[in-house]
C-alpha atoms as a PDB file:
ATOM      1  CA  MET A   1      -4.776  23.727 -17.492  1.00  0.00           C
ATOM      2  CA  ILE A   2      -3.141  22.076 -20.487  1.00  0.00           C
ATOM      3  CA  ALA A   3      -2.343  24.375 -23.356  1.00  0.00           C
ATOM      4  CA  GLU A   4      -4.817  24.109 -26.219  1.00  0.00           C
ATOM      5  CA  GLY A   5      -3.614  21.508 -28.673  1.00  0.00           C
ATOM      6  CA  GLY A   6      -1.834  19.624 -25.893  1.00  0.00           C
ATOM      7  CA  ALA A   7       1.459  21.543 -26.108  1.00  0.00           C
ATOM      8  CA  CYS A   8       2.815  19.969 -22.921  1.00  0.00           C
ATOM      9  CA  MET A   9       1.481  16.481 -23.677  1.00  0.00           C
ATOM     10  CA  GLU A  10       3.900  13.627 -24.228  1.00  0.00           C
ATOM     11  CA  MET A  11       1.127  11.027 -24.461  1.00  0.00           C
ATOM     12  CA  ALA A  12       2.005   7.998 -26.569  1.00  0.00           C
ATOM     13  CA  TYR A  13       0.128   7.911 -29.881  1.00  0.00           C
ATOM     14  CA  ARG A  14      -1.215  11.417 -29.212  1.00  0.00           C
ATOM     15  CA  GLU A  15      -1.746  12.196 -32.898  1.00  0.00           C
ATOM     16  CA  ARG A  16      -3.687   8.982 -33.404  1.00  0.00           C
ATOM     17  CA  TRP A  17      -6.033   9.788 -30.505  1.00  0.00           C
ATOM     18  CA  GLU A  18      -6.561  13.557 -31.006  1.00  0.00           C
ATOM     19  CA  ALA A  19     -10.287  13.141 -31.712  1.00  0.00           C
ATOM     20  CA  ALA A  20     -10.683  10.845 -28.683  1.00  0.00           C
ATOM     21  CA  ILE A  21      -8.848  13.349 -26.460  1.00  0.00           C
ATOM     22  CA  ALA A  22     -11.118  16.151 -27.645  1.00  0.00           C
ATOM     23  CA  GLU A  23     -14.262  14.070 -27.104  1.00  0.00           C
ATOM     24  CA  MET A  24     -13.166  12.934 -23.642  1.00  0.00           C
ATOM     25  CA  ARG A  25     -12.449  16.545 -22.699  1.00  0.00           C
ATOM     26  CA  ARG A  26     -15.985  17.419 -23.814  1.00  0.00           C
ATOM     27  CA  VAL A  27     -17.464  14.605 -21.693  1.00  0.00           C
ATOM     28  CA  LEU A  28     -15.387  15.559 -18.630  1.00  0.00           C
ATOM     29  CA  GLY A  29     -15.943  19.291 -19.099  1.00  0.00           C
ATOM     30  CA  GLY A  30     -19.084  19.412 -16.956  1.00  0.00           C
ATOM     31  CA  PHE A  31     -17.346  18.235 -13.797  1.00  0.00           C
ATOM     32  CA  ALA A  32     -15.777  20.455 -11.151  1.00  0.00           C
ATOM     33  CA  MET A  33     -12.330  19.042 -11.868  1.00  0.00           C
ATOM     34  CA  GLU A  34      -9.175  20.809 -12.913  1.00  0.00           C
ATOM     35  CA  GLU A  35      -7.254  19.559 -15.930  1.00  0.00           C
ATOM     36  CA  GLU A  36      -3.515  19.422 -15.376  1.00  0.00           C
ATOM     37  CA  CYS A  37      -0.597  17.957 -17.300  1.00  0.00           C
ATOM     38  CA  LYS A  38       0.954  15.152 -15.244  1.00  0.00           C
ATOM     39  CA  TRP A  39       3.328  12.548 -16.647  1.00  0.00           C
ATOM     40  CA  GLY A  40       2.769  14.249 -19.997  1.00  0.00           C
ATOM     41  CA  LYS A  41      -0.920  13.317 -19.997  1.00  0.00           C
ATOM     42  CA  PRO A  42      -4.186  15.181 -19.334  1.00  0.00           C
ATOM     43  CA  THR A  43      -4.983  14.445 -15.697  1.00  0.00           C
ATOM     44  CA  TYR A  44      -8.111  15.604 -13.876  1.00  0.00           C
ATOM     45  CA  THR A  45      -7.938  16.495 -10.210  1.00  0.00           C
ATOM     46  CA  VAL A  46     -10.245  17.520  -7.373  1.00  0.00           C
ATOM     47  CA  ASP A  47      -8.672  19.570  -4.588  1.00  0.00           C
ATOM     48  CA  GLY A  48      -5.250  18.627  -5.945  1.00  0.00           C
ATOM     49  CA  LYS A  49      -5.975  14.881  -5.790  1.00  0.00           C
ATOM     50  CA  ASN A  50      -5.757  12.777  -8.971  1.00  0.00           C
ATOM     51  CA  VAL A  51      -9.088  11.372 -10.158  1.00  0.00           C
ATOM     52  CA  VAL A  52      -8.683  10.336 -13.825  1.00  0.00           C
ATOM     53  CA  ILE A  53      -6.003  10.409 -16.519  1.00  0.00           C
ATOM     54  CA  MET A  54      -6.214  10.059 -20.302  1.00  0.00           C
ATOM     55  CA  GLN A  55      -3.851   7.528 -21.837  1.00  0.00           C
ATOM     56  CA  GLY A  56      -3.077   6.628 -25.426  1.00  0.00           C
ATOM     57  CA  PHE A  57      -2.003   3.137 -26.412  1.00  0.00           C
ATOM     58  CA  LYS A  58      -1.331   1.566 -29.797  1.00  0.00           C
ATOM     59  CA  GLU A  59      -4.555  -0.461 -29.825  1.00  0.00           C
ATOM     60  CA  TYR A  60      -6.865   1.673 -27.672  1.00  0.00           C
ATOM     61  CA  PHE A  61      -7.442   4.944 -25.842  1.00  0.00           C
ATOM     62  CA  ALA A  62      -8.083   4.759 -22.101  1.00  0.00           C
ATOM     63  CA  LEU A  63      -9.477   6.779 -19.245  1.00  0.00           C
ATOM     64  CA  GLY A  64      -7.578   5.699 -16.140  1.00  0.00           C
ATOM     65  CA  PHE A  65      -9.192   5.872 -12.690  1.00  0.00           C
ATOM     66  CA  PHE A  66      -6.575   6.267  -9.963  1.00  0.00           C
ATOM     67  CA  GLN A  67      -8.796   4.572  -7.340  1.00  0.00           C
ATOM     68  CA  GLY A  68     -10.744   2.444  -9.840  1.00  0.00           C
ATOM     69  CA  ALA A  69     -10.624  -0.695  -7.698  1.00  0.00           C
ATOM     70  CA  LEU A  70     -12.906   1.089  -5.212  1.00  0.00           C
ATOM     71  CA  LEU A  71     -15.590   1.867  -7.802  1.00  0.00           C
ATOM     72  CA  LYS A  72     -18.717  -0.182  -8.344  1.00  0.00           C
ATOM     73  CA  ASP A  73     -18.477  -1.618 -11.854  1.00  0.00           C
ATOM     74  CA  PRO A  74     -21.974  -2.825 -12.811  1.00  0.00           C
ATOM     75  CA  LYS A  75     -21.220  -2.529 -16.556  1.00  0.00           C
ATOM     76  CA  LYS A  76     -17.948  -4.466 -16.188  1.00  0.00           C
ATOM     77  CA  VAL A  77     -15.986  -1.839 -18.130  1.00  0.00           C
ATOM     78  CA  LEU A  78     -13.039  -1.337 -15.784  1.00  0.00           C
ATOM     79  CA  VAL A  79      -9.869  -3.276 -16.531  1.00  0.00           C
ATOM     80  CA  GLN A  80      -6.809  -3.842 -14.356  1.00  0.00           C
ATOM     81  CA  LEU A  81      -3.608  -3.419 -16.354  1.00  0.00           C
ATOM     82  CA  GLY A  82      -0.655  -5.436 -15.117  1.00  0.00           C
ATOM     83  CA  GLN A  83      -0.098  -5.625 -11.382  1.00  0.00           C
ATOM     84  CA  VAL A  84      -1.348  -2.174 -10.426  1.00  0.00           C
ATOM     85  CA  HIS A  85      -3.006  -2.073  -7.034  1.00  0.00           C
ATOM     86  CA  ALA A  86      -5.825   0.475  -7.180  1.00  0.00           C
ATOM     87  CA  GLY A  87      -5.858   1.830 -10.728  1.00  0.00           C
ATOM     88  CA  ARG A  88      -8.313   0.669 -13.364  1.00  0.00           C
ATOM     89  CA  VAL A  89      -8.942   1.813 -16.930  1.00  0.00           C
ATOM     90  CA  MET A  90     -11.898   2.123 -19.246  1.00  0.00           C
ATOM     91  CA  LYS A  91     -10.872   1.313 -22.867  1.00  0.00           C
ATOM     92  CA  PHE A  92     -12.150   2.974 -26.031  1.00  0.00           C
ATOM     93  CA  ALA A  93     -11.631   2.238 -29.726  1.00  0.00           C
ATOM     94  CA  SER A  94     -12.545   5.691 -31.076  1.00  0.00           C
ATOM     95  CA  ALA A  95     -14.062   9.091 -30.342  1.00  0.00           C
ATOM     96  CA  LYS A  96     -17.438   7.636 -31.426  1.00  0.00           C
ATOM     97  CA  ASP A  97     -17.035   4.941 -28.793  1.00  0.00           C
ATOM     98  CA  ILE A  98     -16.522   7.664 -26.154  1.00  0.00           C
ATOM     99  CA  THR A  99     -19.621   9.538 -27.367  1.00  0.00           C
ATOM    100  CA  ALA A 100     -21.709   6.350 -27.191  1.00  0.00           C
ATOM    101  CA  LYS A 101     -20.522   5.632 -23.650  1.00  0.00           C
ATOM    102  CA  ALA A 102     -20.696   9.219 -22.351  1.00  0.00           C
ATOM    103  CA  ALA A 103     -23.409   8.460 -19.775  1.00  0.00           C
ATOM    104  CA  THR A 104     -21.410   5.509 -18.407  1.00  0.00           C
ATOM    105  CA  ILE A 105     -18.213   7.561 -18.288  1.00  0.00           C
ATOM    106  CA  LYS A 106     -19.976  10.323 -16.375  1.00  0.00           C
ATOM    107  CA  ALA A 107     -21.468   7.866 -13.867  1.00  0.00           C
ATOM    108  CA  TYR A 108     -18.057   6.318 -13.168  1.00  0.00           C
ATOM    109  CA  VAL A 109     -16.361   9.730 -12.908  1.00  0.00           C
ATOM    110  CA  ARG A 110     -19.015  10.861 -10.387  1.00  0.00           C
ATOM    111  CA  GLN A 111     -18.189   7.775  -8.313  1.00  0.00           C
ATOM    112  CA  ALA A 112     -14.443   8.455  -8.628  1.00  0.00           C
ATOM    113  CA  ILE A 113     -14.895  12.045  -7.431  1.00  0.00           C
ATOM    114  CA  ALA A 114     -16.942  10.821  -4.448  1.00  0.00           C
ATOM    115  CA  VAL A 115     -14.255   8.245  -3.588  1.00  0.00           C
ATOM    116  CA  GLU A 116     -11.572  10.939  -3.758  1.00  0.00           C
ATOM    117  CA  LYS A 117     -13.541  13.443  -1.681  1.00  0.00           C
ATOM    118  CA  ALA A 118     -14.170  10.737   0.949  1.00  0.00           C
ATOM    119  CA  GLY A 119     -10.429  10.028   1.040  1.00  0.00           C
ATOM    120  CA  LEU A 120     -10.932   6.303   0.430  1.00  0.00           C
ATOM    121  CA  ARG A 121      -7.859   4.231  -0.429  1.00  0.00           C
ATOM    122  CA  MET A 122      -7.104   0.591  -1.085  1.00  0.00           C
ATOM    123  CA  LYS A 123      -5.471  -1.227   1.805  1.00  0.00           C
ATOM    124  CA  ARG A 124      -1.760  -1.519   1.049  1.00  0.00           C
ATOM    125  CA  LYS A 125      -0.499  -4.964   0.178  1.00  0.00           C
ATOM    126  CA  LYS A 126       2.114  -6.450   2.450  1.00  0.00           C
ATOM    127  CA  THR A 127       5.158  -8.164   1.040  1.00  0.00           C
ATOM    128  CA  SER A 128       4.469 -11.069   3.394  1.00  0.00           C
ATOM    129  CA  ASP A 129       1.184 -11.672   1.508  1.00  0.00           C
ATOM    130  CA  SER A 130       3.100 -12.421  -1.711  1.00  0.00           C
ATOM    131  CA  PRO A 131       3.951 -16.059  -2.429  1.00  0.00           C
ATOM    132  CA  VAL A 132       7.673 -16.852  -2.399  1.00  0.00           C
ATOM    133  CA  PRO A 133       8.574 -19.551  -4.940  1.00  0.00           C
ATOM    134  CA  GLU A 134      10.512 -22.483  -3.507  1.00  0.00           C
ATOM    135  CA  GLU A 135      13.344 -21.808  -5.965  1.00  0.00           C
ATOM    136  CA  LEU A 136      13.808 -18.325  -4.501  1.00  0.00           C
ATOM    137  CA  ARG A 137      13.530 -19.633  -0.929  1.00  0.00           C
ATOM    138  CA  GLU A 138      16.400 -22.004  -1.696  1.00  0.00           C
ATOM    139  CA  ARG A 139      18.539 -19.217  -3.165  1.00  0.00           C
ATOM    140  CA  LEU A 140      17.858 -16.963  -0.164  1.00  0.00           C
ATOM    141  CA  ARG A 141      18.784 -19.821   2.221  1.00  0.00           C
ATOM    142  CA  SER A 142      22.015 -20.674   0.389  1.00  0.00           C
ATOM    143  CA  ASP A 143      23.325 -17.120  -0.136  1.00  0.00           C
ATOM    144  CA  PRO A 144      23.074 -14.854   2.958  1.00  0.00           C
ATOM    145  CA  ARG A 145      24.534 -11.816   1.138  1.00  0.00           C
ATOM    146  CA  PHE A 146      21.948 -12.212  -1.619  1.00  0.00           C
ATOM    147  CA  LYS A 147      19.245 -12.487   1.037  1.00  0.00           C
ATOM    148  CA  ARG A 148      20.413  -9.272   2.754  1.00  0.00           C
ATOM    149  CA  ALA A 149      20.451  -7.452  -0.589  1.00  0.00           C
ATOM    150  CA  PHE A 150      16.945  -8.699  -1.419  1.00  0.00           C
ATOM    151  CA  GLU A 151      15.660  -7.662   2.006  1.00  0.00           C
ATOM    152  CA  ALA A 152      17.218  -4.209   1.506  1.00  0.00           C
ATOM    153  CA  LEU A 153      14.932  -3.603  -1.488  1.00  0.00           C
ATOM    154  CA  THR A 154      11.845  -1.486  -0.942  1.00  0.00           C
ATOM    155  CA  PRO A 155       8.689  -3.503  -0.159  1.00  0.00           C
ATOM    156  CA  GLY A 156       7.212  -2.567  -3.529  1.00  0.00           C
ATOM    157  CA  ARG A 157      10.307  -3.715  -5.404  1.00  0.00           C
ATOM    158  CA  GLN A 158      10.330  -6.978  -3.429  1.00  0.00           C
ATOM    159  CA  ARG A 159       6.677  -7.594  -4.363  1.00  0.00           C
ATOM    160  CA  SER A 160       7.438  -6.848  -7.996  1.00  0.00           C
ATOM    161  CA  TYR A 161      10.227  -9.423  -8.105  1.00  0.00           C
ATOM    162  CA  LEU A 162       8.173 -11.987  -6.185  1.00  0.00           C
ATOM    163  CA  TYR A 163       5.343 -11.519  -8.687  1.00  0.00           C
ATOM    164  CA  HIS A 164       7.759 -11.832 -11.616  1.00  0.00           C
ATOM    165  CA  PHE A 165       9.388 -14.980 -10.260  1.00  0.00           C
ATOM    166  CA  ALA A 166       6.110 -16.651  -9.213  1.00  0.00           C
ATOM    167  CA  ALA A 167       4.373 -15.869 -12.527  1.00  0.00           C
ATOM    168  CA  ALA A 168       6.468 -18.496 -14.296  1.00  0.00           C
ATOM    169  CA  LYS A 169       4.535 -21.756 -14.592  1.00  0.00           C
ATOM    170  CA  GLN A 170       7.547 -24.051 -14.782  1.00  0.00           C
ATOM    171  CA  SER A 171      10.272 -24.466 -12.198  1.00  0.00           C
ATOM    172  CA  ALA A 172      12.982 -24.188 -14.867  1.00  0.00           C
ATOM    173  CA  THR A 173      11.646 -20.780 -15.894  1.00  0.00           C
ATOM    174  CA  ARG A 174      11.533 -19.600 -12.273  1.00  0.00           C
ATOM    175  CA  VAL A 175      15.147 -20.746 -11.795  1.00  0.00           C
ATOM    176  CA  ALA A 176      16.194 -18.944 -15.002  1.00  0.00           C
ATOM    177  CA  ARG A 177      14.497 -15.718 -13.883  1.00  0.00           C
ATOM    178  CA  ILE A 178      16.140 -15.893 -10.467  1.00  0.00           C
ATOM    179  CA  LYS A 179      19.563 -16.588 -12.039  1.00  0.00           C
ATOM    180  CA  LYS A 180      19.133 -13.644 -14.401  1.00  0.00           C
ATOM    181  CA  ARG A 181      18.302 -11.390 -11.455  1.00  0.00           C
ATOM    182  CA  CYS A 182      21.223 -12.846  -9.498  1.00  0.00           C
ATOM    183  CA  ARG A 183      23.607 -11.759 -12.241  1.00  0.00           C
ATOM    184  CA  ARG A 184      22.399  -8.216 -11.652  1.00  0.00           C
ATOM    185  CA  TYR A 185      23.118  -8.588  -7.954  1.00  0.00           C
ATOM    186  CA  SER A 186      26.562  -7.204  -7.243  1.00  0.00           C
ATOM    187  CA  LYS A 187      28.308  -9.338  -4.640  1.00  0.00           C
ATOM    188  CA  ALA A 188      31.120  -6.825  -4.466  1.00  0.00           C
ATOM    189  CA  GLU A 189      28.709  -4.025  -3.616  1.00  0.00           C
ATOM    190  CA  GLY A 190      26.282  -6.212  -1.703  1.00  0.00           C
ATOM    191  CA  SER A 191      23.450  -4.458  -3.462  1.00  0.00           C
ATOM    192  CA  TRP A 192      20.855  -5.116  -6.101  1.00  0.00           C
ATOM    193  CA  ARG A 193      21.587  -3.267  -9.328  1.00  0.00           C
ATOM    194  CA  ASP A 194      18.499  -2.399 -11.283  1.00  0.00           C
ATOM    195  CA  ALA A 195      20.045  -2.482 -14.731  1.00  0.00           C
ATOM    196  CA  ARG A 196      17.465  -3.686 -17.173  1.00  0.00           C
END
């Protein structure tokens, strides 16, 4: 359980969203879930498995569903942030917004608990399913050490870079992104430094 007042919370914009946090706790209070502090945020679990997490952002407050992609979304309220695989969030502008949507929140949380209890998971993406831009193919063909270093990355890190490179609309931008990443590749070490 999180200490009253959120003593262990490190949530971004916590002060701004105190009323929303309190209202969301009220809405979630009727469920047989345990509130824990994970990643500095109120996280609700069932049998030790993560179900939902509260998140504060500059523009909105969110209730994140760890397996949200597996939920039915008839109200079209779940949003995918970035390139996350299974997670989805429900966004709120205020505590009043949470109160108004309490029935919807409860319905989605019931689904999320059922998904967790059933042990359902999204099928893992394979790196081979990710498109490889031609500019990167050329670099991998022309520099075997670079290719070995790229292949030594974890599958998730490879997918992340492939997504980043392929997201550029213009070839010149893809080339620039690859060159920037290549500068972080240490030929002397034969490894990929992750300095940002």
